[in-house]
N, C-alpha and C. Protein backbone atom coordinates (compact mmCIF):
# COMPACT_ATOMS: atom_id res chain seq x y z
N MET A 1 48.82 105.45 112.32
CA MET A 1 49.78 105.36 111.21
C MET A 1 50.61 104.06 111.83
N SER A 2 50.85 103.34 110.95
CA SER A 2 51.89 102.21 111.26
C SER A 2 53.07 102.39 111.57
N GLU A 3 53.82 101.58 112.16
CA GLU A 3 55.02 101.96 112.65
C GLU A 3 56.16 101.27 111.62
N LYS A 4 57.24 101.75 111.03
CA LYS A 4 58.16 101.00 110.31
C LYS A 4 58.94 100.00 110.88
N ALA A 5 58.93 98.82 110.27
CA ALA A 5 59.53 97.58 110.61
C ALA A 5 61.20 97.64 110.83
N VAL A 6 61.69 97.46 111.70
CA VAL A 6 63.03 97.62 112.19
C VAL A 6 63.92 96.33 111.39
N ASN A 7 64.61 96.69 110.45
CA ASN A 7 65.59 95.93 110.05
C ASN A 7 66.75 95.41 110.86
N TYR A 8 67.40 96.27 111.43
CA TYR A 8 68.33 95.86 112.31
C TYR A 8 68.09 96.40 113.75
N THR A 9 68.12 95.68 114.75
CA THR A 9 67.95 96.15 116.07
C THR A 9 69.24 96.71 116.53
N PRO A 10 68.94 97.54 117.57
CA PRO A 10 70.25 97.86 118.17
C PRO A 10 71.25 97.10 118.61
N GLU A 11 70.84 95.95 118.83
CA GLU A 11 71.91 94.83 119.18
C GLU A 11 72.47 94.43 117.92
N MET A 12 71.84 94.17 116.88
CA MET A 12 72.56 93.65 115.83
C MET A 12 73.60 94.78 115.15
N THR A 13 72.86 95.94 115.00
CA THR A 13 73.82 97.14 114.69
C THR A 13 75.31 97.03 115.78
N ALA A 14 75.12 96.99 116.89
CA ALA A 14 76.39 97.13 117.82
C ALA A 14 77.30 95.86 117.60
N LYS A 15 76.38 94.48 117.23
CA LYS A 15 77.38 93.19 117.13
C LYS A 15 77.90 93.78 116.02
N ALA A 16 77.60 93.91 114.67
CA ALA A 16 77.87 94.20 113.49
C ALA A 16 79.10 95.24 113.52
N ILE A 17 78.87 96.39 114.26
CA ILE A 17 80.00 97.13 114.39
C ILE A 17 81.17 96.77 115.26
N GLU A 18 80.95 95.83 116.46
CA GLU A 18 82.04 95.57 117.14
C GLU A 18 82.74 94.20 116.34
N LEU A 19 82.23 93.63 115.80
CA LEU A 19 82.92 92.54 114.78
C LEU A 19 83.95 93.20 113.82
N TYR A 20 83.32 94.23 112.98
CA TYR A 20 84.03 94.80 112.04
C TYR A 20 85.26 95.47 112.72
N GLN A 21 85.01 96.16 113.79
CA GLN A 21 86.16 96.72 114.37
C GLN A 21 87.28 95.79 115.06
N ASP A 22 86.51 94.60 115.30
CA ASP A 22 87.71 93.54 115.72
C ASP A 22 88.35 93.03 114.47
N GLY A 23 87.88 93.31 113.24
CA GLY A 23 88.79 92.88 112.08
C GLY A 23 87.95 91.64 111.59
N ALA A 24 86.68 91.29 111.91
CA ALA A 24 85.84 90.28 111.18
C ALA A 24 85.85 90.48 109.83
N SER A 25 85.88 89.73 108.92
CA SER A 25 85.35 90.15 107.47
C SER A 25 83.61 90.25 107.34
N ILE A 26 83.30 90.92 106.27
CA ILE A 26 81.88 91.41 106.03
C ILE A 26 81.09 90.19 105.99
N ASP A 27 81.79 89.01 105.14
CA ASP A 27 81.16 87.76 105.09
C ASP A 27 80.62 87.23 106.51
N ASP A 28 81.69 86.97 107.68
CA ASP A 28 81.66 86.51 108.72
C ASP A 28 80.49 87.56 109.41
N ILE A 29 80.46 88.68 109.34
CA ILE A 29 79.71 89.49 109.89
C ILE A 29 78.01 89.06 109.47
N ALA A 30 78.11 89.15 108.06
CA ALA A 30 76.82 88.86 107.77
C ALA A 30 76.01 87.78 108.16
N GLU A 31 76.92 86.57 108.33
CA GLU A 31 76.48 85.11 108.95
C GLU A 31 76.16 85.26 110.47
N ALA A 32 76.70 86.18 111.02
CA ALA A 32 76.65 86.40 112.60
C ALA A 32 75.22 87.02 112.73
N VAL A 33 74.72 87.97 111.93
CA VAL A 33 73.72 88.81 112.36
C VAL A 33 72.36 88.33 111.56
N GLY A 34 72.79 87.44 110.61
CA GLY A 34 71.73 86.87 109.68
C GLY A 34 71.34 87.77 108.69
N LYS A 35 72.06 88.44 107.98
CA LYS A 35 71.92 89.46 106.76
C LYS A 35 72.55 89.26 105.66
N THR A 36 72.61 89.82 104.62
CA THR A 36 73.28 89.59 103.33
C THR A 36 74.64 90.61 103.63
N VAL A 37 75.65 90.14 102.93
CA VAL A 37 76.96 90.79 102.66
C VAL A 37 76.46 92.24 102.40
N ARG A 38 75.68 92.34 101.55
CA ARG A 38 75.57 93.79 101.05
C ARG A 38 74.59 94.58 102.05
N SER A 39 73.86 94.14 102.81
CA SER A 39 72.98 94.87 103.58
C SER A 39 73.86 94.94 104.75
N VAL A 40 74.89 94.07 105.47
CA VAL A 40 75.63 94.44 106.57
C VAL A 40 76.76 95.69 105.96
N ARG A 41 77.27 95.65 104.86
CA ARG A 41 78.30 96.66 104.09
C ARG A 41 77.32 97.91 104.22
N SER A 42 76.20 98.09 103.75
CA SER A 42 75.32 99.31 103.65
C SER A 42 75.27 100.00 105.02
N LYS A 43 74.99 99.01 106.00
CA LYS A 43 74.69 99.44 107.55
C LYS A 43 75.91 99.84 107.96
N LEU A 44 76.96 99.37 107.99
CA LEU A 44 78.15 99.80 108.17
C LEU A 44 78.80 101.28 107.52
N VAL A 45 78.20 101.26 106.42
CA VAL A 45 78.60 102.68 105.99
C VAL A 45 77.52 103.78 106.37
N ARG A 46 76.27 103.24 106.75
CA ARG A 46 75.43 104.29 107.26
C ARG A 46 75.96 104.63 108.56
N GLU A 47 76.44 103.80 109.22
CA GLU A 47 77.00 103.95 110.75
C GLU A 47 77.96 104.68 110.85
N GLY A 48 78.99 104.96 109.63
CA GLY A 48 80.15 105.51 109.57
C GLY A 48 81.29 104.88 109.82
N VAL A 49 81.46 103.43 110.06
CA VAL A 49 82.26 102.89 110.30
C VAL A 49 83.02 102.11 109.34
N TYR A 50 82.43 101.62 108.19
CA TYR A 50 82.91 100.93 106.93
C TYR A 50 83.98 101.95 106.28
N VAL A 51 85.11 101.12 106.24
CA VAL A 51 86.37 101.71 105.37
C VAL A 51 86.47 100.82 104.14
N ALA A 52 86.30 101.33 102.84
CA ALA A 52 86.28 100.57 101.64
C ALA A 52 87.82 99.97 101.40
N GLN A 53 87.73 99.01 101.08
CA GLN A 53 89.30 98.28 100.79
C GLN A 53 89.60 98.77 99.25
N PRO A 54 90.88 99.24 99.25
CA PRO A 54 91.56 99.74 98.01
C PRO A 54 91.43 98.34 96.96
N LYS A 55 90.75 98.82 95.83
CA LYS A 55 90.39 97.83 94.60
C LYS A 55 91.93 97.44 93.85
N ALA A 56 92.15 96.21 93.65
CA ALA A 56 93.54 95.66 93.16
C ALA A 56 93.27 95.77 91.88
N THR A 57 94.38 96.25 91.44
CA THR A 57 94.34 96.39 89.96
C THR A 57 95.07 94.98 89.37
N ALA A 58 94.60 94.65 88.09
CA ALA A 58 95.40 93.63 87.57
C ALA A 58 96.59 94.12 86.41
N ARG A 59 96.72 95.50 86.50
CA ARG A 59 97.60 96.00 85.48
C ARG A 59 99.15 95.69 86.17
N LYS A 60 99.91 95.53 85.38
CA LYS A 60 101.36 95.50 85.75
C LYS A 60 101.70 96.71 85.31
N SER A 61 102.58 97.22 86.54
CA SER A 61 102.98 98.74 86.28
C SER A 61 103.80 99.00 85.09
N ASP A 62 104.76 97.90 84.65
CA ASP A 62 105.77 98.20 83.65
C ASP A 62 105.16 97.85 82.19
N GLU A 63 104.01 97.51 82.12
CA GLU A 63 103.10 97.25 80.81
C GLU A 63 102.37 98.68 80.51
N PRO A 64 102.54 99.20 79.16
CA PRO A 64 101.67 100.19 79.07
C PRO A 64 100.05 99.56 78.77
N THR A 65 99.26 100.86 78.93
CA THR A 65 97.62 100.54 78.79
C THR A 65 97.42 100.54 77.49
N LYS A 66 96.35 99.92 77.13
CA LYS A 66 95.65 99.92 75.63
C LYS A 66 95.58 101.23 75.30
N LYS A 67 95.10 102.12 76.16
CA LYS A 67 94.99 103.49 75.70
C LYS A 67 96.48 104.09 75.40
N GLU A 68 97.40 103.80 76.13
CA GLU A 68 98.77 104.18 75.81
C GLU A 68 99.29 103.74 74.44
N LEU A 69 99.08 102.53 74.26
CA LEU A 69 99.58 101.78 72.99
C LEU A 69 98.85 102.55 71.86
N LEU A 70 97.47 102.81 72.08
CA LEU A 70 96.68 103.36 70.69
C LEU A 70 97.24 104.72 70.46
N ARG A 71 97.58 105.57 71.65
CA ARG A 71 98.26 106.56 71.52
C ARG A 71 99.28 106.91 70.85
N ASP A 72 100.27 105.90 70.99
CA ASP A 72 101.60 105.56 70.26
C ASP A 72 101.46 105.23 68.89
N LEU A 73 100.40 104.34 68.64
CA LEU A 73 100.18 103.82 67.18
C LEU A 73 99.75 105.25 66.40
N GLU A 74 98.95 105.88 67.10
CA GLU A 74 98.44 106.96 66.31
C GLU A 74 99.64 108.03 66.12
N ASP A 75 100.47 108.25 67.00
CA ASP A 75 101.63 108.94 66.59
C ASP A 75 102.53 108.45 65.45
N ALA A 76 102.67 107.00 65.39
CA ALA A 76 103.23 106.50 64.33
C ALA A 76 102.83 106.45 62.89
N LEU A 77 101.61 106.45 63.21
CA LEU A 77 100.66 106.37 61.58
C LEU A 77 100.63 107.86 60.98
N PRO A 78 100.41 107.71 59.59
CA PRO A 78 99.92 108.79 59.08
C PRO A 78 98.99 109.86 59.95
N SER A 79 98.71 111.24 59.73
CA SER A 79 97.56 111.60 60.39
C SER A 79 96.24 111.41 60.00
N ASP A 80 96.16 111.11 58.62
CA ASP A 80 94.92 110.79 58.14
C ASP A 80 94.45 109.48 58.54
N PHE A 81 95.13 108.60 58.91
CA PHE A 81 94.78 107.13 59.14
C PHE A 81 94.27 107.09 60.46
N PRO A 82 92.85 106.46 60.40
CA PRO A 82 92.01 106.56 61.56
C PRO A 82 92.17 105.24 62.49
N ILE A 83 92.36 105.54 63.91
CA ILE A 83 92.66 104.50 64.52
C ILE A 83 91.54 104.14 65.60
N THR A 84 90.27 104.89 65.16
CA THR A 84 89.01 104.40 66.17
C THR A 84 88.62 103.26 65.87
N GLY A 85 88.74 102.62 64.70
CA GLY A 85 88.52 101.25 64.40
C GLY A 85 89.44 100.13 65.34
N MET A 86 90.46 100.74 65.83
CA MET A 86 91.38 99.81 66.58
C MET A 86 91.05 99.59 67.96
N MET A 87 89.87 100.34 68.31
CA MET A 87 89.33 100.31 69.85
C MET A 87 88.99 99.01 70.37
N GLY A 88 88.65 98.30 69.55
CA GLY A 88 88.30 97.00 69.82
C GLY A 88 89.13 96.03 69.76
N ALA A 89 90.24 96.17 69.29
CA ALA A 89 91.38 95.19 68.97
C ALA A 89 92.41 95.04 70.53
N THR A 90 92.55 93.65 70.60
CA THR A 90 93.48 93.23 71.88
C THR A 90 94.76 94.02 71.95
N LYS A 91 95.15 94.22 73.00
CA LYS A 91 96.27 94.69 73.39
C LYS A 91 97.60 94.01 72.62
N GLU A 92 97.49 92.71 72.46
CA GLU A 92 98.54 91.86 71.56
C GLU A 92 98.44 92.33 70.17
N ALA A 93 96.93 92.61 69.64
CA ALA A 93 97.04 92.96 68.15
C ALA A 93 97.71 94.32 67.97
N ILE A 94 97.63 95.10 68.93
CA ILE A 94 97.97 96.48 68.78
C ILE A 94 99.68 96.36 68.86
N VAL A 95 100.04 95.52 69.77
CA VAL A 95 101.44 95.51 69.92
C VAL A 95 102.04 95.10 68.56
N ALA A 96 101.44 93.86 68.01
CA ALA A 96 101.71 93.25 66.88
C ALA A 96 101.73 94.42 65.76
N LEU A 97 100.85 95.32 65.50
CA LEU A 97 100.70 95.96 64.45
C LEU A 97 101.63 97.15 64.94
N MET A 98 101.86 97.66 65.97
CA MET A 98 103.33 98.59 66.13
C MET A 98 104.48 98.08 65.64
N GLY A 99 104.70 96.78 65.95
CA GLY A 99 105.93 96.09 65.35
C GLY A 99 105.94 96.43 63.98
N VAL A 100 104.91 96.24 63.25
CA VAL A 100 105.06 96.24 61.81
C VAL A 100 105.30 97.65 61.22
N VAL A 101 104.37 98.38 62.12
CA VAL A 101 104.52 100.05 61.73
C VAL A 101 105.94 100.77 61.95
N LYS A 102 106.65 100.21 62.94
CA LYS A 102 108.01 100.83 63.24
C LYS A 102 108.94 100.02 62.48
N GLN A 103 108.73 99.05 61.59
CA GLN A 103 109.87 98.68 60.32
C GLN A 103 110.18 99.35 59.45
């Protein structure tokens, strides 16, 4: 029976872990061990050392979401008016429509 090819040597794994724990970026680690960023991230996850970075949100906390705007619009319109067709509208269009409805 043939042996499975080793993707990461113990030395490569140790180096990746050490660099990660020293604060190196995944890009730098990938370059140092000759692997892709995705491969290095997966390896660090399997080794139990990778901590995912929180995702940055583009939402401004003082602005309502599109979902919240549609909910407000639904409350402002007669109950028989379907807002499902507005799902594809931009936030700006919904805000403009809200301005007309509230007049």
